[in-house]
Amino acid sequence: MYTKRSICLEFLDRGIEAVLCINPMSESDGDTML
């Protein structure tokens, strides 16, 4: 499972849907999105 920071880093690295990183709704949603 990835943490908010990990997901954030991946999004920023790819430059795709970085908005989720800035305003994450919840860890579960983040994992589902990833």
PDB file of N, CA and C in Angstrom:
ATOM      1  N   MET A   1       0.847  -1.205   0.000  1.00  0.00           N
ATOM      2  CA  MET A   1       0.000   0.000   0.000  1.00  0.00           C
ATOM      3  C   MET A   1       0.877   1.248   0.000  1.00  0.00           C
ATOM      4  N   TYR A   2       0.441   2.254  -0.723  1.00  0.00           N
ATOM      5  CA  TYR A   2       1.233   3.489  -0.791  1.00  0.00           C
ATOM      6  C   TYR A   2       0.671   4.549   0.151  1.00  0.00           C
ATOM      7  N   THR A   3       1.545   5.364   0.698  1.00  0.00           N
ATOM      8  CA  THR A   3       1.086   6.427   1.592  1.00  0.00           C
ATOM      9  C   THR A   3       0.774   7.676   0.781  1.00  0.00           C
ATOM     10  N   LYS A   4       0.154   8.656   1.406  1.00  0.00           N
ATOM     11  CA  LYS A   4      -0.185   9.891   0.680  1.00  0.00           C
ATOM     12  C   LYS A   4       1.069  10.483   0.055  1.00  0.00           C
ATOM     13  N   ARG A   5       2.158  10.498   0.807  1.00  0.00           N
ATOM     14  CA  ARG A   5       3.407  11.085   0.286  1.00  0.00           C
ATOM     15  C   ARG A   5       3.890  10.312  -0.934  1.00  0.00           C
ATOM     16  N   SER A   6       3.849   8.997  -0.855  1.00  0.00           N
ATOM     17  CA  SER A   6       4.310   8.184  -1.988  1.00  0.00           C
ATOM     18  C   SER A   6       3.470   8.485  -3.225  1.00  0.00           C
ATOM     19  N   ILE A   7       2.151   8.488  -3.044  1.00  0.00           N
ATOM     20  CA  ILE A   7       1.266   8.768  -4.176  1.00  0.00           C
ATOM     21  C   ILE A   7       1.558  10.161  -4.719  1.00  0.00           C
ATOM     22  N   CYS A   8       1.742  11.098  -3.788  1.00  0.00           N
ATOM     23  CA  CYS A   8       2.024  12.481  -4.182  1.00  0.00           C
ATOM     24  C   CYS A   8       3.293  12.524  -5.029  1.00  0.00           C
ATOM     25  N   LEU A   9       4.337  11.866  -4.574  1.00  0.00           N
ATOM     26  CA  LEU A   9       5.606  11.861  -5.306  1.00  0.00           C
ATOM     27  C   LEU A   9       5.410  11.243  -6.692  1.00  0.00           C
ATOM     28  N   GLU A  10       4.673  10.149  -6.755  1.00  0.00           N
ATOM     29  CA  GLU A  10       4.469   9.494  -8.054  1.00  0.00           C
ATOM     30  C   GLU A  10       3.720  10.415  -9.007  1.00  0.00           C
ATOM     31  N   PHE A  11       2.662  11.073  -8.491  1.00  0.00           N
ATOM     32  CA  PHE A  11       1.884  11.977  -9.344  1.00  0.00           C
ATOM     33  C   PHE A  11       2.759  13.122  -9.819  1.00  0.00           C
ATOM     34  N   LEU A  12       3.535  13.698  -8.899  1.00  0.00           N
ATOM     35  CA  LEU A  12       4.391  14.830  -9.273  1.00  0.00           C
ATOM     36  C   LEU A  12       5.436  14.368 -10.279  1.00  0.00           C
ATOM     37  N   ASP A  13       5.983  13.172 -10.061  1.00  0.00           N
ATOM     38  CA  ASP A  13       7.009  12.654 -10.965  1.00  0.00           C
ATOM     39  C   ASP A  13       6.425  12.488 -12.367  1.00  0.00           C
ATOM     40  N   ARG A  14       5.232  11.959 -12.441  1.00  0.00           N
ATOM     41  CA  ARG A  14       4.609  11.755 -13.750  1.00  0.00           C
ATOM     42  C   ARG A  14       3.985  13.041 -14.252  1.00  0.00           C
ATOM     43  N   GLY A  15       3.593  13.912 -13.308  1.00  0.00           N
ATOM     44  CA  GLY A  15       2.955  15.166 -13.721  1.00  0.00           C
ATOM     45  C   GLY A  15       1.510  14.928 -14.128  1.00  0.00           C
ATOM     46  N   ILE A  16       0.930  13.819 -13.633  1.00  0.00           N
ATOM     47  CA  ILE A  16      -0.456  13.498 -13.989  1.00  0.00           C
ATOM     48  C   ILE A  16      -1.349  13.547 -12.745  1.00  0.00           C
ATOM     49  N   GLU A  17      -2.424  14.307 -12.803  1.00  0.00           N
ATOM     50  CA  GLU A  17      -3.352  14.409 -11.670  1.00  0.00           C
ATOM     51  C   GLU A  17      -2.622  14.785 -10.395  1.00  0.00           C
ATOM     52  N   ALA A  18      -1.780  15.786 -10.481  1.00  0.00           N
ATOM     53  CA  ALA A  18      -1.045  16.247  -9.301  1.00  0.00           C
ATOM     54  C   ALA A  18      -2.007  16.884  -8.307  1.00  0.00           C
ATOM     55  N   VAL A  19      -3.194  17.252  -8.774  1.00  0.00           N
ATOM     56  CA  VAL A  19      -4.180  17.888  -7.891  1.00  0.00           C
ATOM     57  C   VAL A  19      -4.512  16.965  -6.725  1.00  0.00           C
ATOM     58  N   LEU A  20      -4.596  15.668  -6.985  1.00  0.00           N
ATOM     59  CA  LEU A  20      -4.918  14.715  -5.916  1.00  0.00           C
ATOM     60  C   LEU A  20      -3.877  14.818  -4.813  1.00  0.00           C
ATOM     61  N   CYS A  21      -2.643  15.028  -5.210  1.00  0.00           N
ATOM     62  CA  CYS A  21      -1.558  15.139  -4.239  1.00  0.00           C
ATOM     63  C   CYS A  21      -1.770  16.366  -3.360  1.00  0.00           C
ATOM     64  N   ILE A  22      -2.189  17.463  -3.981  1.00  0.00           N
ATOM     65  CA  ILE A  22      -2.375  18.710  -3.235  1.00  0.00           C
ATOM     66  C   ILE A  22      -3.560  18.595  -2.279  1.00  0.00           C
ATOM     67  N   ASN A  23      -4.649  17.997  -2.736  1.00  0.00           N
ATOM     68  CA  ASN A  23      -5.839  17.889  -1.885  1.00  0.00           C
ATOM     69  C   ASN A  23      -6.385  16.460  -1.898  1.00  0.00           C
ATOM     70  N   PRO A  24      -5.698  15.544  -1.204  1.00  0.00           N
ATOM     71  CA  PRO A  24      -6.129  14.139  -1.160  1.00  0.00           C
ATOM     72  C   PRO A  24      -7.368  13.980  -0.286  1.00  0.00           C
ATOM     73  N   MET A  25      -8.365  13.258  -0.778  1.00  0.00           N
ATOM     74  CA  MET A  25      -9.597  13.073   0.005  1.00  0.00           C
ATOM     75  C   MET A  25      -9.347  12.087   1.144  1.00  0.00           C
ATOM     76  N   SER A  26      -8.788  10.935   0.861  1.00  0.00           N
ATOM     77  CA  SER A  26      -8.497   9.962   1.916  1.00  0.00           C
ATOM     78  C   SER A  26      -7.546   8.902   1.371  1.00  0.00           C
ATOM     79  N   GLU A  27      -6.882   8.183   2.258  1.00  0.00           N
ATOM     80  CA  GLU A  27      -5.904   7.176   1.816  1.00  0.00           C
ATOM     81  C   GLU A  27      -6.569   6.132   0.925  1.00  0.00           C
ATOM     82  N   SER A  28      -7.755   5.676   1.304  1.00  0.00           N
ATOM     83  CA  SER A  28      -8.441   4.645   0.521  1.00  0.00           C
ATOM     84  C   SER A  28      -8.658   5.134  -0.911  1.00  0.00           C
ATOM     85  N   ASP A  29      -9.169   6.354  -1.059  1.00  0.00           N
ATOM     86  CA  ASP A  29      -9.413   6.891  -2.400  1.00  0.00           C
ATOM     87  C   ASP A  29      -8.101   6.962  -3.177  1.00  0.00           C
ATOM     88  N   GLY A  30      -7.040   7.368  -2.496  1.00  0.00           N
ATOM     89  CA  GLY A  30      -5.745   7.474  -3.162  1.00  0.00           C
ATOM     90  C   GLY A  30      -5.323   6.123  -3.714  1.00  0.00           C
ATOM     91  N   ASP A  31      -5.428   5.078  -2.891  1.00  0.00           N
ATOM     92  CA  ASP A  31      -5.037   3.748  -3.358  1.00  0.00           C
ATOM     93  C   ASP A  31      -5.903   3.341  -4.552  1.00  0.00           C
ATOM     94  N   THR A  32      -7.191   3.608  -4.469  1.00  0.00           N
ATOM     95  CA  THR A  32      -8.087   3.230  -5.562  1.00  0.00           C
ATOM     96  C   THR A  32      -7.699   3.968  -6.835  1.00  0.00           C
ATOM     97  N   MET A  33      -7.422   5.256  -6.719  1.00  0.00           N
ATOM     98  CA  MET A  33      -7.051   6.055  -7.889  1.00  0.00           C
ATOM     99  C   MET A  33      -5.761   5.515  -8.494  1.00  0.00           C
ATOM    100  N   LEU A  34      -4.808   5.197  -7.638  1.00  0.00           N
ATOM    101  CA  LEU A  34      -3.514   4.718  -8.129  1.00  0.00           C
ATOM    102  C   LEU A  34      -3.750   3.398  -8.854  1.00  0.00           C
TER     103      LEU A  34
END
